[in-house]
């Protein structure tokens, strides 16, 4: 069983997948930083100073023991207040769209660089179904 596991791990596909997951996770962090640190501040300036990361809707009441700011999303979340954090959701959607677009561009470029697979030779054309049925009919008539 150990030998089978070694054979499985040594296959190129498994190693390629592992490398892809690791690189993908690192790339995801880069895209998150791009969105959070570069794009969202610019979008905030264009929309009149809106900071999307702190946009939320309270669904419940703030506990009496809470001493922080009632507009601090992170502190309210830590305190367990029920909220809809639509700003975080917008940021996550933008992260996804950027990541998906970059992956699309990478795959498109990789497809251009990959050699084209040779086309399979066309199958020799034989008689059509109608011709075969006609031959069978004629053979049955002769019998």
N, C-alpha and C. Protein backbone atom coordinates (compact mmCIF):
# COMPACT_ATOMS: atom_id res chain seq x y z
N UNK A 1 0.83 -1.19 0.00
CA UNK A 1 0.00 0.00 0.00
C UNK A 1 0.87 1.26 0.00
N UNK A 2 1.97 1.23 0.74
CA UNK A 2 2.88 2.37 0.79
C UNK A 2 3.47 2.63 -0.59
N UNK A 3 3.81 1.56 -1.30
CA UNK A 3 4.36 1.72 -2.64
C UNK A 3 3.34 2.35 -3.59
N UNK A 4 2.07 1.93 -3.47
CA UNK A 4 1.02 2.51 -4.31
C UNK A 4 0.86 4.00 -4.02
N UNK A 5 0.95 4.35 -2.72
CA UNK A 5 0.83 5.75 -2.34
C UNK A 5 2.00 6.56 -2.93
N UNK A 6 3.22 6.02 -2.86
CA UNK A 6 4.38 6.70 -3.44
C UNK A 6 4.19 6.90 -4.94
N UNK A 7 3.69 5.87 -5.61
CA UNK A 7 3.45 5.97 -7.05
C UNK A 7 2.41 7.04 -7.35
N UNK A 8 1.37 7.08 -6.54
CA UNK A 8 0.30 8.06 -6.70
C UNK A 8 0.84 9.48 -6.52
N UNK A 9 1.62 9.69 -5.48
CA UNK A 9 2.16 11.02 -5.19
C UNK A 9 3.17 11.45 -6.24
N UNK A 10 3.91 10.50 -6.77
CA UNK A 10 4.96 10.83 -7.74
C UNK A 10 4.41 11.18 -9.12
N UNK A 11 3.15 10.91 -9.35
CA UNK A 11 2.56 11.24 -10.65
C UNK A 11 2.60 12.74 -10.85
N UNK A 12 2.81 13.13 -12.07
CA UNK A 12 2.89 14.55 -12.40
C UNK A 12 1.61 15.31 -12.09
N UNK A 13 0.46 14.69 -12.29
CA UNK A 13 -0.80 15.39 -12.08
C UNK A 13 -0.97 15.81 -10.63
N UNK A 14 -0.61 14.95 -9.69
CA UNK A 14 -0.78 15.27 -8.28
C UNK A 14 0.17 16.40 -7.88
N UNK A 15 1.40 16.31 -8.34
CA UNK A 15 2.37 17.36 -8.02
C UNK A 15 1.96 18.68 -8.66
N UNK A 16 1.50 18.62 -9.90
CA UNK A 16 1.04 19.84 -10.56
C UNK A 16 -0.13 20.46 -9.81
N UNK A 17 -1.03 19.63 -9.35
CA UNK A 17 -2.18 20.12 -8.59
C UNK A 17 -1.74 20.78 -7.29
N UNK A 18 -0.80 20.14 -6.59
CA UNK A 18 -0.31 20.72 -5.33
C UNK A 18 0.34 22.07 -5.58
N UNK A 19 1.17 22.16 -6.59
CA UNK A 19 1.82 23.44 -6.92
C UNK A 19 0.76 24.47 -7.28
N UNK A 20 -0.24 24.07 -8.06
CA UNK A 20 -1.30 24.98 -8.45
C UNK A 20 -2.07 25.52 -7.26
N UNK A 21 -2.36 24.67 -6.29
CA UNK A 21 -3.10 25.11 -5.10
C UNK A 21 -2.27 26.10 -4.31
N UNK A 22 -0.99 25.81 -4.13
CA UNK A 22 -0.12 26.71 -3.35
C UNK A 22 0.03 28.06 -4.06
N UNK A 23 0.31 28.02 -5.36
CA UNK A 23 0.45 29.27 -6.11
C UNK A 23 -0.88 30.02 -6.13
N UNK A 24 -1.98 29.30 -6.28
CA UNK A 24 -3.29 29.93 -6.29
C UNK A 24 -3.61 30.63 -4.98
N UNK A 25 -3.25 30.01 -3.86
CA UNK A 25 -3.49 30.64 -2.56
C UNK A 25 -2.67 31.92 -2.42
N UNK A 26 -1.40 31.86 -2.83
CA UNK A 26 -0.56 33.06 -2.77
C UNK A 26 -1.09 34.15 -3.70
N UNK A 27 -1.52 33.75 -4.89
CA UNK A 27 -2.07 34.71 -5.84
C UNK A 27 -3.36 35.33 -5.32
N UNK A 28 -4.17 34.52 -4.61
CA UNK A 28 -5.40 35.03 -4.00
C UNK A 28 -5.10 36.14 -3.00
N UNK A 29 -4.02 35.98 -2.23
CA UNK A 29 -3.63 37.02 -1.28
C UNK A 29 -3.21 38.30 -1.99
N UNK A 30 -2.52 38.13 -3.12
CA UNK A 30 -2.11 39.31 -3.90
C UNK A 30 -3.34 40.04 -4.43
N UNK A 31 -4.30 39.29 -4.94
CA UNK A 31 -5.52 39.91 -5.47
C UNK A 31 -6.31 40.58 -4.34
N UNK A 32 -6.37 39.93 -3.16
CA UNK A 32 -7.07 40.55 -2.03
C UNK A 32 -6.40 41.86 -1.64
N UNK A 33 -5.08 41.89 -1.63
CA UNK A 33 -4.37 43.13 -1.31
C UNK A 33 -4.62 44.17 -2.39
N UNK A 34 -4.59 43.77 -3.64
CA UNK A 34 -4.87 44.70 -4.74
C UNK A 34 -6.24 45.33 -4.55
N UNK A 35 -7.22 44.50 -4.23
CA UNK A 35 -8.58 45.01 -4.06
C UNK A 35 -8.69 45.89 -2.82
N UNK A 36 -8.23 45.37 -1.67
CA UNK A 36 -8.39 46.10 -0.41
C UNK A 36 -7.53 47.35 -0.32
N UNK A 37 -6.30 47.27 -0.82
CA UNK A 37 -5.35 48.36 -0.61
C UNK A 37 -5.25 49.35 -1.77
N UNK A 38 -5.66 48.94 -2.96
CA UNK A 38 -5.54 49.84 -4.11
C UNK A 38 -6.88 50.20 -4.74
N UNK A 39 -7.67 49.18 -5.08
CA UNK A 39 -8.91 49.46 -5.82
C UNK A 39 -10.02 50.05 -4.95
N UNK A 40 -10.27 49.45 -3.80
CA UNK A 40 -11.39 49.91 -2.97
C UNK A 40 -11.19 51.35 -2.49
N UNK A 41 -9.98 51.77 -2.11
CA UNK A 41 -9.82 53.19 -1.77
C UNK A 41 -10.12 54.12 -2.94
N UNK A 42 -9.71 53.74 -4.16
CA UNK A 42 -10.00 54.56 -5.34
C UNK A 42 -11.50 54.59 -5.59
N UNK A 43 -12.14 53.43 -5.47
CA UNK A 43 -13.60 53.39 -5.65
C UNK A 43 -14.28 54.23 -4.57
N UNK A 44 -13.75 54.18 -3.35
CA UNK A 44 -14.30 55.00 -2.27
C UNK A 44 -14.20 56.48 -2.58
N UNK A 45 -13.04 56.92 -3.13
CA UNK A 45 -12.87 58.33 -3.49
C UNK A 45 -13.85 58.72 -4.61
N UNK A 46 -14.00 57.83 -5.60
CA UNK A 46 -14.90 58.12 -6.71
C UNK A 46 -16.36 58.17 -6.28
N UNK A 47 -16.70 57.46 -5.21
CA UNK A 47 -18.08 57.44 -4.73
C UNK A 47 -18.29 58.38 -3.56
N UNK A 48 -17.37 59.31 -3.36
CA UNK A 48 -17.56 60.32 -2.31
C UNK A 48 -17.02 59.91 -0.96
N UNK A 49 -15.97 59.13 -0.92
CA UNK A 49 -15.34 58.78 0.36
C UNK A 49 -15.96 57.58 1.06
N UNK A 50 -16.74 56.80 0.35
CA UNK A 50 -17.36 55.63 0.97
C UNK A 50 -16.31 54.54 1.20
N UNK A 51 -16.25 54.04 2.41
CA UNK A 51 -15.36 52.92 2.75
C UNK A 51 -16.22 51.66 2.77
N UNK A 52 -16.13 50.87 1.72
CA UNK A 52 -17.00 49.69 1.60
C UNK A 52 -16.76 48.67 2.69
N UNK A 53 -15.54 48.58 3.19
CA UNK A 53 -15.23 47.53 4.18
C UNK A 53 -16.01 47.71 5.47
N UNK A 54 -16.49 48.92 5.75
CA UNK A 54 -17.23 49.14 7.00
C UNK A 54 -18.72 49.35 6.76
N UNK A 55 -19.21 49.01 5.61
CA UNK A 55 -20.64 49.17 5.34
C UNK A 55 -21.40 47.92 5.80
N UNK A 56 -22.43 48.14 6.61
CA UNK A 56 -23.20 47.03 7.15
C UNK A 56 -24.59 47.51 7.55
N UNK A 57 -25.46 46.55 7.75
CA UNK A 57 -26.81 46.83 8.26
C UNK A 57 -26.97 46.02 9.54
N UNK A 58 -27.33 46.71 10.63
CA UNK A 58 -27.57 46.02 11.90
C UNK A 58 -28.87 45.24 11.81
N UNK A 59 -28.82 43.98 12.23
CA UNK A 59 -30.03 43.15 12.25
C UNK A 59 -30.57 43.00 13.67
N UNK A 60 -29.70 43.22 14.62
CA UNK A 60 -30.11 43.10 16.02
C UNK A 60 -29.64 44.30 16.80
N UNK A 61 -29.90 44.27 18.07
CA UNK A 61 -29.49 45.40 18.91
C UNK A 61 -28.06 45.18 19.40
N UNK A 62 -27.41 46.29 19.71
CA UNK A 62 -26.05 46.25 20.24
C UNK A 62 -26.16 45.95 21.73
N UNK A 63 -25.38 44.99 22.23
CA UNK A 63 -25.48 44.64 23.66
C UNK A 63 -25.12 45.83 24.56
N UNK A 64 -25.73 45.86 25.71
CA UNK A 64 -25.48 46.94 26.69
C UNK A 64 -24.01 46.96 27.11
N UNK A 65 -23.36 45.79 27.13
CA UNK A 65 -21.97 45.72 27.58
C UNK A 65 -20.97 46.18 26.52
N UNK A 66 -21.43 46.45 25.32
CA UNK A 66 -20.53 46.88 24.24
C UNK A 66 -20.09 48.31 24.49
N UNK A 67 -18.76 48.54 24.45
CA UNK A 67 -18.24 49.87 24.74
C UNK A 67 -17.61 50.54 23.53
N UNK A 68 -17.55 49.86 22.40
CA UNK A 68 -16.91 50.41 21.21
C UNK A 68 -17.84 51.32 20.43
N UNK A 69 -17.36 51.72 19.27
CA UNK A 69 -18.13 52.59 18.40
C UNK A 69 -19.26 51.81 17.73
N UNK A 70 -20.44 52.41 17.63
CA UNK A 70 -21.55 51.71 16.97
C UNK A 70 -21.39 51.65 15.44
N UNK A 71 -20.35 52.28 14.91
CA UNK A 71 -20.10 52.23 13.47
C UNK A 71 -18.86 51.41 13.13
N UNK A 72 -18.25 50.76 14.11
CA UNK A 72 -17.05 49.95 13.89
C UNK A 72 -17.47 48.52 13.57
N UNK A 73 -17.45 48.20 12.28
CA UNK A 73 -17.92 46.89 11.82
C UNK A 73 -17.15 45.74 12.45
N UNK A 74 -15.82 45.85 12.47
CA UNK A 74 -14.99 44.77 13.01
C UNK A 74 -15.26 44.55 14.49
N UNK A 75 -15.40 45.62 15.26
CA UNK A 75 -15.65 45.49 16.70
C UNK A 75 -17.04 44.93 16.96
N UNK A 76 -18.03 45.38 16.21
CA UNK A 76 -19.39 44.86 16.36
C UNK A 76 -19.44 43.38 16.00
N UNK A 77 -18.73 43.01 14.95
CA UNK A 77 -18.69 41.61 14.54
C UNK A 77 -18.05 40.76 15.62
N UNK A 78 -16.96 41.28 16.20
CA UNK A 78 -16.28 40.56 17.28
C UNK A 78 -17.18 40.43 18.51
N UNK A 79 -18.03 41.41 18.73
CA UNK A 79 -18.95 41.37 19.87
C UNK A 79 -20.14 40.46 19.62
N UNK A 80 -20.27 39.95 18.40
CA UNK A 80 -21.34 39.01 18.09
C UNK A 80 -22.65 39.64 17.71
N UNK A 81 -22.62 40.89 17.28
CA UNK A 81 -23.84 41.58 16.88
C UNK A 81 -24.26 41.06 15.50
N UNK A 82 -25.55 40.78 15.34
CA UNK A 82 -26.07 40.29 14.05
C UNK A 82 -26.10 41.44 13.05
N UNK A 83 -25.37 41.25 11.93
CA UNK A 83 -25.27 42.29 10.90
C UNK A 83 -25.19 41.66 9.52
N UNK A 84 -25.57 42.45 8.53
CA UNK A 84 -25.32 42.10 7.14
C UNK A 84 -24.15 42.97 6.69
N UNK A 85 -23.00 42.35 6.47
CA UNK A 85 -21.81 43.10 6.06
C UNK A 85 -21.72 43.18 4.55
N UNK A 86 -22.58 43.98 3.96
CA UNK A 86 -22.61 44.04 2.50
C UNK A 86 -21.35 44.67 1.91
N UNK A 87 -20.66 45.49 2.66
CA UNK A 87 -19.40 46.07 2.18
C UNK A 87 -18.33 45.00 1.99
N UNK A 88 -18.24 44.10 2.95
CA UNK A 88 -17.28 42.99 2.82
C UNK A 88 -17.66 42.10 1.65
N UNK A 89 -18.96 41.92 1.45
CA UNK A 89 -19.42 41.10 0.34
C UNK A 89 -19.06 41.75 -1.00
N UNK A 90 -19.24 43.06 -1.12
CA UNK A 90 -18.88 43.76 -2.36
C UNK A 90 -17.39 43.60 -2.62
N UNK A 91 -16.58 43.73 -1.57
CA UNK A 91 -15.13 43.56 -1.72
C UNK A 91 -14.80 42.14 -2.18
N UNK A 92 -15.46 41.14 -1.60
CA UNK A 92 -15.21 39.75 -1.99
C UNK A 92 -15.61 39.50 -3.44
N UNK A 93 -16.70 40.10 -3.88
CA UNK A 93 -17.14 39.94 -5.28
C UNK A 93 -16.11 40.57 -6.22
N UNK A 94 -15.62 41.75 -5.86
CA UNK A 94 -14.59 42.39 -6.69
C UNK A 94 -13.33 41.53 -6.72
N UNK A 95 -12.93 40.99 -5.56
CA UNK A 95 -11.78 40.07 -5.53
C UNK A 95 -11.98 38.91 -6.50
N UNK A 96 -13.17 38.31 -6.44
CA UNK A 96 -13.46 37.16 -7.30
C UNK A 96 -13.39 37.54 -8.77
N UNK A 97 -14.00 38.66 -9.13
CA UNK A 97 -14.02 39.07 -10.54
C UNK A 97 -12.61 39.34 -11.05
N UNK A 98 -11.78 39.97 -10.24
CA UNK A 98 -10.40 40.22 -10.66
C UNK A 98 -9.67 38.90 -10.84
N UNK A 99 -9.79 38.02 -9.85
CA UNK A 99 -9.12 36.73 -9.91
C UNK A 99 -9.60 35.92 -11.11
N UNK A 100 -10.89 35.88 -11.34
CA UNK A 100 -11.43 35.13 -12.48
C UNK A 100 -10.94 35.71 -13.80
N UNK A 101 -10.87 37.04 -13.89
CA UNK A 101 -10.40 37.66 -15.13
C UNK A 101 -8.93 37.37 -15.38
N UNK A 102 -8.12 37.42 -14.33
CA UNK A 102 -6.69 37.14 -14.49
C UNK A 102 -6.49 35.68 -14.88
N UNK A 103 -7.23 34.77 -14.27
CA UNK A 103 -7.14 33.35 -14.64
C UNK A 103 -7.57 33.15 -16.09
N UNK A 104 -8.62 33.84 -16.50
CA UNK A 104 -9.06 33.78 -17.89
C UNK A 104 -7.94 34.20 -18.83
N UNK A 105 -7.27 35.32 -18.50
CA UNK A 105 -6.17 35.80 -19.34
C UNK A 105 -5.02 34.81 -19.38
N UNK A 106 -4.70 34.20 -18.21
CA UNK A 106 -3.62 33.22 -18.16
C UNK A 106 -3.95 31.99 -19.00
N UNK A 107 -5.15 31.48 -18.89
CA UNK A 107 -5.55 30.30 -19.66
C UNK A 107 -5.57 30.62 -21.15
N UNK A 108 -6.06 31.80 -21.48
CA UNK A 108 -6.10 32.21 -22.89
C UNK A 108 -4.68 32.27 -23.46
N UNK A 109 -3.75 32.85 -22.70
CA UNK A 109 -2.36 32.94 -23.16
C UNK A 109 -1.72 31.55 -23.23
N UNK A 110 -1.99 30.71 -22.23
CA UNK A 110 -1.43 29.35 -22.23
C UNK A 110 -1.94 28.57 -23.43
N UNK A 111 -3.19 28.74 -23.78
CA UNK A 111 -3.74 28.04 -24.95
C UNK A 111 -3.07 28.49 -26.24
N UNK A 112 -2.68 29.75 -26.31
CA UNK A 112 -1.97 30.24 -27.49
C UNK A 112 -0.58 29.62 -27.59
N UNK A 113 0.07 29.43 -26.43
CA UNK A 113 1.43 28.92 -26.41
C UNK A 113 1.51 27.41 -26.58
N UNK A 114 0.46 26.71 -26.23
CA UNK A 114 0.46 25.25 -26.32
C UNK A 114 0.41 24.83 -27.78
N UNK A 115 1.18 23.80 -28.14
CA UNK A 115 1.11 23.34 -29.53
C UNK A 115 -0.26 22.73 -29.81
N UNK A 116 -0.71 22.96 -30.99
CA UNK A 116 -2.01 22.41 -31.39
C UNK A 116 -1.89 20.90 -31.54
N UNK A 117 -2.89 20.19 -31.06
CA UNK A 117 -2.92 18.74 -31.22
C UNK A 117 -3.20 18.42 -32.68
N UNK A 118 -2.48 17.45 -33.22
CA UNK A 118 -2.74 17.11 -34.62
C UNK A 118 -4.17 16.59 -34.78
N UNK A 119 -4.76 16.99 -35.87
CA UNK A 119 -6.13 16.54 -36.11
C UNK A 119 -6.12 15.08 -36.50
N UNK A 120 -7.07 14.37 -35.97
CA UNK A 120 -7.19 12.95 -36.30
C UNK A 120 -7.58 12.83 -37.77
N UNK A 121 -6.98 11.85 -38.45
CA UNK A 121 -7.35 11.69 -39.87
C UNK A 121 -8.83 11.33 -39.98
N UNK A 122 -9.42 11.83 -41.01
CA UNK A 122 -10.83 11.56 -41.21
C UNK A 122 -11.05 10.07 -41.46
N UNK A 123 -12.10 9.57 -40.89
CA UNK A 123 -12.43 8.15 -41.07
C UNK A 123 -12.77 7.92 -42.54
N UNK A 124 -12.32 6.79 -43.07
CA UNK A 124 -12.63 6.54 -44.48
C UNK A 124 -14.15 6.48 -44.66
N UNK A 125 -14.58 7.15 -45.69
CA UNK A 125 -16.02 7.19 -45.90
C UNK A 125 -16.45 5.89 -46.56
N UNK A 126 -17.45 5.32 -45.98
CA UNK A 126 -17.99 4.06 -46.51
C UNK A 126 -19.40 4.30 -46.98
N UNK A 127 -20.08 3.22 -47.22
CA UNK A 127 -21.47 3.39 -47.67
C UNK A 127 -22.32 4.00 -46.56
N UNK A 128 -23.31 4.75 -46.97
CA UNK A 128 -24.22 5.37 -46.01
C UNK A 128 -25.20 4.31 -45.50
N UNK A 129 -25.98 4.69 -44.52
CA UNK A 129 -26.96 3.76 -43.97
C UNK A 129 -27.97 3.34 -45.03
N UNK A 130 -28.37 4.30 -45.84
CA UNK A 130 -29.35 4.00 -46.89
C UNK A 130 -28.76 3.00 -47.88
N UNK A 131 -27.49 3.20 -48.26
CA UNK A 131 -26.85 2.28 -49.20
C UNK A 131 -26.73 0.88 -48.59
N UNK A 132 -26.37 0.79 -47.30
CA UNK A 132 -26.28 -0.52 -46.64
C UNK A 132 -27.63 -1.21 -46.59
N UNK A 133 -28.66 -0.43 -46.25
CA UNK A 133 -30.01 -1.02 -46.21
C UNK A 133 -30.45 -1.50 -47.59
N UNK A 134 -30.09 -0.74 -48.60
CA UNK A 134 -30.43 -1.15 -49.96
C UNK A 134 -29.71 -2.44 -50.33
N UNK A 135 -28.44 -2.57 -49.94
CA UNK A 135 -27.68 -3.80 -50.21
C UNK A 135 -28.31 -4.99 -49.49
N UNK A 136 -28.71 -4.78 -48.23
CA UNK A 136 -29.35 -5.87 -47.47
C UNK A 136 -30.66 -6.26 -48.14
N UNK A 137 -31.43 -5.27 -48.56
CA UNK A 137 -32.71 -5.55 -49.24
C UNK A 137 -32.47 -6.36 -50.50
N UNK A 138 -31.49 -5.94 -51.29
CA UNK A 138 -31.20 -6.64 -52.54
C UNK A 138 -30.73 -8.06 -52.27
N UNK A 139 -29.91 -8.24 -51.22
CA UNK A 139 -29.41 -9.58 -50.89
C UNK A 139 -30.57 -10.47 -50.43
N UNK A 140 -31.53 -9.91 -49.69
CA UNK A 140 -32.68 -10.68 -49.24
C UNK A 140 -33.57 -11.06 -50.43
N UNK A 141 -33.69 -10.19 -51.41
CA UNK A 141 -34.51 -10.48 -52.57
C UNK A 141 -33.93 -11.64 -53.37
N UNK A 142 -32.59 -11.69 -53.45
CA UNK A 142 -31.92 -12.74 -54.20
C UNK A 142 -32.08 -14.10 -53.52
N UNK A 143 -32.22 -14.10 -52.19
CA UNK A 143 -32.29 -15.36 -51.46
C UNK A 143 -33.60 -16.05 -51.57
